Amino acid sequence: QVQLVEFGGGLVQAGDSLTVSCAALGRTVSNYAMAWFRQAPGKEREFVAAISWSGDSVHYADSEPGRFTISRDKTQNVIHLRRNRLKPEDTAVYYCAANPNYRGVLDNESDYTIWGQGTQVTVSS
């Protein structure tokens, strides 16, 4: 059974950059489709970015062109999400998710069966 553990969140200033990461424990996720979602206070969880098993294909939410970068390090069994030019509206709990049965990119929350506990990111103005 694989466990996803997010880390790297915290309190940052608007305009800063931050990378959150997700480590997979228990088994390799090198063949899994992976993604990041986030949930802001009082809102539903929403898709942020997805990456294929190889890392060659990535997909971002339409509202986030250029500000987010998703990547994966297969040797470390970790995926990362870097966000540039952070805004207060980026404040949310960021979740890592995995689909062990698919290798492409998926942007629907229901497509992912393995979730981490999330890491809080707070952006102050």
C-alpha atoms as a PDB file:
ATOM      1  CA  GLN A   1       0.000   0.000   0.000  1.00  0.00           C
ATOM      2  CA  VAL A   2       1.470   3.321  -1.043  1.00  0.00           C
ATOM      3  CA  GLN A   3       1.204   6.358   1.200  1.00  0.00           C
ATOM      4  CA  LEU A   4       1.557   9.914  -0.092  1.00  0.00           C
ATOM      5  CA  VAL A   5       3.058  12.535   2.194  1.00  0.00           C
ATOM      6  CA  GLU A   6       3.099  16.198   1.203  1.00  0.00           C
ATOM      7  CA  PHE A   7       5.584  18.665   2.623  1.00  0.00           C
ATOM      8  CA  GLY A   8       6.994  22.109   1.968  1.00  0.00           C
ATOM      9  CA  GLY A   9       3.975  24.257   2.746  1.00  0.00           C
ATOM     10  CA  GLY A  10       4.032  27.271   5.019  1.00  0.00           C
ATOM     11  CA  LEU A  11       3.483  31.007   5.276  1.00  0.00           C
ATOM     12  CA  VAL A  12       4.851  33.127   2.446  1.00  0.00           C
ATOM     13  CA  GLN A  13       4.491  36.655   1.121  1.00  0.00           C
ATOM     14  CA  ALA A  14       2.586  37.574  -2.011  1.00  0.00           C
ATOM     15  CA  GLY A  15       4.941  37.556  -4.973  1.00  0.00           C
ATOM     16  CA  ASP A  16       7.150  34.832  -3.510  1.00  0.00           C
ATOM     17  CA  SER A  17       7.769  31.427  -5.036  1.00  0.00           C
ATOM     18  CA  LEU A  18       7.349  28.134  -3.233  1.00  0.00           C
ATOM     19  CA  THR A  19       7.782  24.467  -4.008  1.00  0.00           C
ATOM     20  CA  VAL A  20       5.689  21.824  -2.314  1.00  0.00           C
ATOM     21  CA  SER A  21       6.613  18.182  -2.654  1.00  0.00           C
ATOM     22  CA  CYS A  22       4.989  14.796  -2.285  1.00  0.00           C
ATOM     23  CA  ALA A  23       6.866  11.694  -1.265  1.00  0.00           C
ATOM     24  CA  ALA A  24       5.499   8.247  -1.943  1.00  0.00           C
ATOM     25  CA  LEU A  25       6.170   5.733   0.796  1.00  0.00           C
ATOM     26  CA  GLY A  26       5.728   2.005   0.696  1.00  0.00           C
ATOM     27  CA  ARG A  27       6.235   1.382  -2.989  1.00  0.00           C
ATOM     28  CA  THR A  28       7.346   3.116  -6.136  1.00  0.00           C
ATOM     29  CA  VAL A  29       4.914   5.341  -7.999  1.00  0.00           C
ATOM     30  CA  SER A  30       7.105   5.590 -11.071  1.00  0.00           C
ATOM     31  CA  ASN A  31       4.339   4.079 -13.247  1.00  0.00           C
ATOM     32  CA  TYR A  32       1.499   6.103 -11.744  1.00  0.00           C
ATOM     33  CA  ALA A  33      -0.281   9.152 -13.060  1.00  0.00           C
ATOM     34  CA  MET A  34       0.153  11.880 -10.448  1.00  0.00           C
ATOM     35  CA  ALA A  35      -1.436  15.238  -9.788  1.00  0.00           C
ATOM     36  CA  TRP A  36      -1.842  18.179  -7.459  1.00  0.00           C
ATOM     37  CA  PHE A  37      -5.161  19.558  -6.278  1.00  0.00           C
ATOM     38  CA  ARG A  38      -5.916  22.325  -3.813  1.00  0.00           C
ATOM     39  CA  GLN A  39      -8.769  23.348  -1.577  1.00  0.00           C
ATOM     40  CA  ALA A  40      -9.165  26.935  -0.464  1.00  0.00           C
ATOM     41  CA  PRO A  41     -11.177  27.845   2.638  1.00  0.00           C
ATOM     42  CA  GLY A  42     -14.888  27.498   1.955  1.00  0.00           C
ATOM     43  CA  LYS A  43     -14.362  26.142  -1.551  1.00  0.00           C
ATOM     44  CA  GLU A  44     -14.368  22.772  -3.242  1.00  0.00           C
ATOM     45  CA  ARG A  45     -11.158  20.994  -4.051  1.00  0.00           C
ATOM     46  CA  GLU A  46      -9.885  21.912  -7.522  1.00  0.00           C
ATOM     47  CA  PHE A  47      -7.369  20.584  -9.991  1.00  0.00           C
ATOM     48  CA  VAL A  48      -4.004  22.338 -10.270  1.00  0.00           C
ATOM     49  CA  ALA A  49      -1.635  20.194 -12.333  1.00  0.00           C
ATOM     50  CA  ALA A  50      -1.027  16.625 -13.500  1.00  0.00           C
ATOM     51  CA  ILE A  51       1.957  14.692 -14.780  1.00  0.00           C
ATOM     52  CA  SER A  52       2.254  11.425 -16.664  1.00  0.00           C
ATOM     53  CA  TRP A  53       4.236   8.461 -15.445  1.00  0.00           C
ATOM     54  CA  SER A  54       7.201   9.393 -17.633  1.00  0.00           C
ATOM     55  CA  GLY A  55       7.063  13.086 -16.829  1.00  0.00           C
ATOM     56  CA  ASP A  56       6.901  13.883 -20.530  1.00  0.00           C
ATOM     57  CA  SER A  57       3.272  14.992 -20.435  1.00  0.00           C
ATOM     58  CA  VAL A  58       1.942  17.653 -18.094  1.00  0.00           C
ATOM     59  CA  HIS A  59      -1.392  19.406 -17.860  1.00  0.00           C
ATOM     60  CA  TYR A  60      -2.357  22.523 -15.922  1.00  0.00           C
ATOM     61  CA  ALA A  61      -5.618  24.088 -14.943  1.00  0.00           C
ATOM     62  CA  ASP A  62      -6.587  26.710 -17.503  1.00  0.00           C
ATOM     63  CA  SER A  63      -6.497  29.467 -14.913  1.00  0.00           C
ATOM     64  CA  GLU A  64      -2.868  28.912 -14.077  1.00  0.00           C
ATOM     65  CA  PRO A  65      -0.819  29.376 -17.281  1.00  0.00           C
ATOM     66  CA  GLY A  66       2.847  29.824 -16.567  1.00  0.00           C
ATOM     67  CA  ARG A  67       2.727  30.155 -12.789  1.00  0.00           C
ATOM     68  CA  PHE A  68       2.813  26.504 -11.837  1.00  0.00           C
ATOM     69  CA  THR A  69       5.338  23.823 -12.726  1.00  0.00           C
ATOM     70  CA  ILE A  70       4.846  20.161 -11.898  1.00  0.00           C
ATOM     71  CA  SER A  71       7.744  17.714 -12.068  1.00  0.00           C
ATOM     72  CA  ARG A  72       8.688  14.285 -10.809  1.00  0.00           C
ATOM     73  CA  ASP A  73      11.868  12.669  -9.619  1.00  0.00           C
ATOM     74  CA  LYS A  74      11.608   8.939 -10.109  1.00  0.00           C
ATOM     75  CA  THR A  75      14.850   8.189  -8.345  1.00  0.00           C
ATOM     76  CA  GLN A  76      13.511   9.840  -5.204  1.00  0.00           C
ATOM     77  CA  ASN A  77       9.886   8.738  -5.697  1.00  0.00           C
ATOM     78  CA  VAL A  78       8.827  12.361  -5.305  1.00  0.00           C
ATOM     79  CA  ILE A  79       6.779  14.865  -7.268  1.00  0.00           C
ATOM     80  CA  HIS A  80       7.021  18.625  -6.920  1.00  0.00           C
ATOM     81  CA  LEU A  81       4.817  21.616  -7.575  1.00  0.00           C
ATOM     82  CA  ARG A  82       6.484  24.964  -7.912  1.00  0.00           C
ATOM     83  CA  ARG A  83       4.389  28.092  -7.841  1.00  0.00           C
ATOM     84  CA  ASN A  84       5.686  31.494  -8.873  1.00  0.00           C
ATOM     85  CA  ARG A  85       4.279  34.923  -8.104  1.00  0.00           C
ATOM     86  CA  LEU A  86       2.072  33.654  -5.323  1.00  0.00           C
ATOM     87  CA  LYS A  87      -1.138  35.510  -4.578  1.00  0.00           C
ATOM     88  CA  PRO A  88      -3.312  35.544  -1.449  1.00  0.00           C
ATOM     89  CA  GLU A  89      -5.921  33.578  -3.405  1.00  0.00           C
ATOM     90  CA  ASP A  90      -3.400  30.742  -3.689  1.00  0.00           C
ATOM     91  CA  THR A  91      -3.934  30.125   0.013  1.00  0.00           C
ATOM     92  CA  ALA A  92      -5.164  26.552   0.274  1.00  0.00           C
ATOM     93  CA  VAL A  93      -4.389  23.043   1.358  1.00  0.00           C
ATOM     94  CA  TYR A  94      -2.460  21.396  -1.454  1.00  0.00           C
ATOM     95  CA  TYR A  95      -3.033  17.685  -2.027  1.00  0.00           C
ATOM     96  CA  CYS A  96      -1.037  15.124  -3.928  1.00  0.00           C
ATOM     97  CA  ALA A  97      -2.931  12.326  -5.705  1.00  0.00           C
ATOM     98  CA  ALA A  98      -2.074   9.174  -7.623  1.00  0.00           C
ATOM     99  CA  ASN A  99      -3.718   6.775 -10.046  1.00  0.00           C
ATOM    100  CA  PRO A 100      -1.885   3.439 -10.179  1.00  0.00           C
ATOM    101  CA  ASN A 101      -3.834   2.219 -13.203  1.00  0.00           C
ATOM    102  CA  TYR A 102      -3.179   5.033 -15.651  1.00  0.00           C
ATOM    103  CA  ARG A 103       0.009   6.514 -17.087  1.00  0.00           C
ATOM    104  CA  GLY A 104      -1.220   9.670 -18.781  1.00  0.00           C
ATOM    105  CA  VAL A 105      -2.547  12.949 -17.405  1.00  0.00           C
ATOM    106  CA  LEU A 106      -5.890  13.212 -15.632  1.00  0.00           C
ATOM    107  CA  ASP A 107      -7.574  16.318 -14.266  1.00  0.00           C
ATOM    108  CA  ASN A 108     -10.668  14.879 -12.639  1.00  0.00           C
ATOM    109  CA  GLU A 109     -10.608  14.384  -8.895  1.00  0.00           C
ATOM    110  CA  SER A 110     -12.588  11.156  -9.169  1.00  0.00           C
ATOM    111  CA  ASP A 111      -9.858   9.609 -11.347  1.00  0.00           C
ATOM    112  CA  TYR A 112      -7.458   9.488  -8.419  1.00  0.00           C
ATOM    113  CA  THR A 113      -7.677   6.784  -5.796  1.00  0.00           C
ATOM    114  CA  ILE A 114      -4.687   7.553  -3.575  1.00  0.00           C
ATOM    115  CA  TRP A 115      -4.456  10.863  -1.704  1.00  0.00           C
ATOM    116  CA  GLY A 116      -2.133  12.512   0.725  1.00  0.00           C
ATOM    117  CA  GLN A 117      -3.196  14.433   3.822  1.00  0.00           C
ATOM    118  CA  GLY A 118      -2.315  17.783   2.308  1.00  0.00           C
ATOM    119  CA  THR A 119       0.034  20.625   3.153  1.00  0.00           C
ATOM    120  CA  GLN A 120      -1.158  24.114   4.047  1.00  0.00           C
ATOM    121  CA  VAL A 121       0.088  27.064   2.055  1.00  0.00           C
ATOM    122  CA  THR A 122      -0.814  30.539   3.307  1.00  0.00           C
ATOM    123  CA  VAL A 123       0.013  33.605   1.248  1.00  0.00           C
ATOM    124  CA  SER A 124      -0.098  36.938   3.027  1.00  0.00           C
ATOM    125  CA  SER A 125      -0.646  40.192   1.177  1.00  0.00           C
END
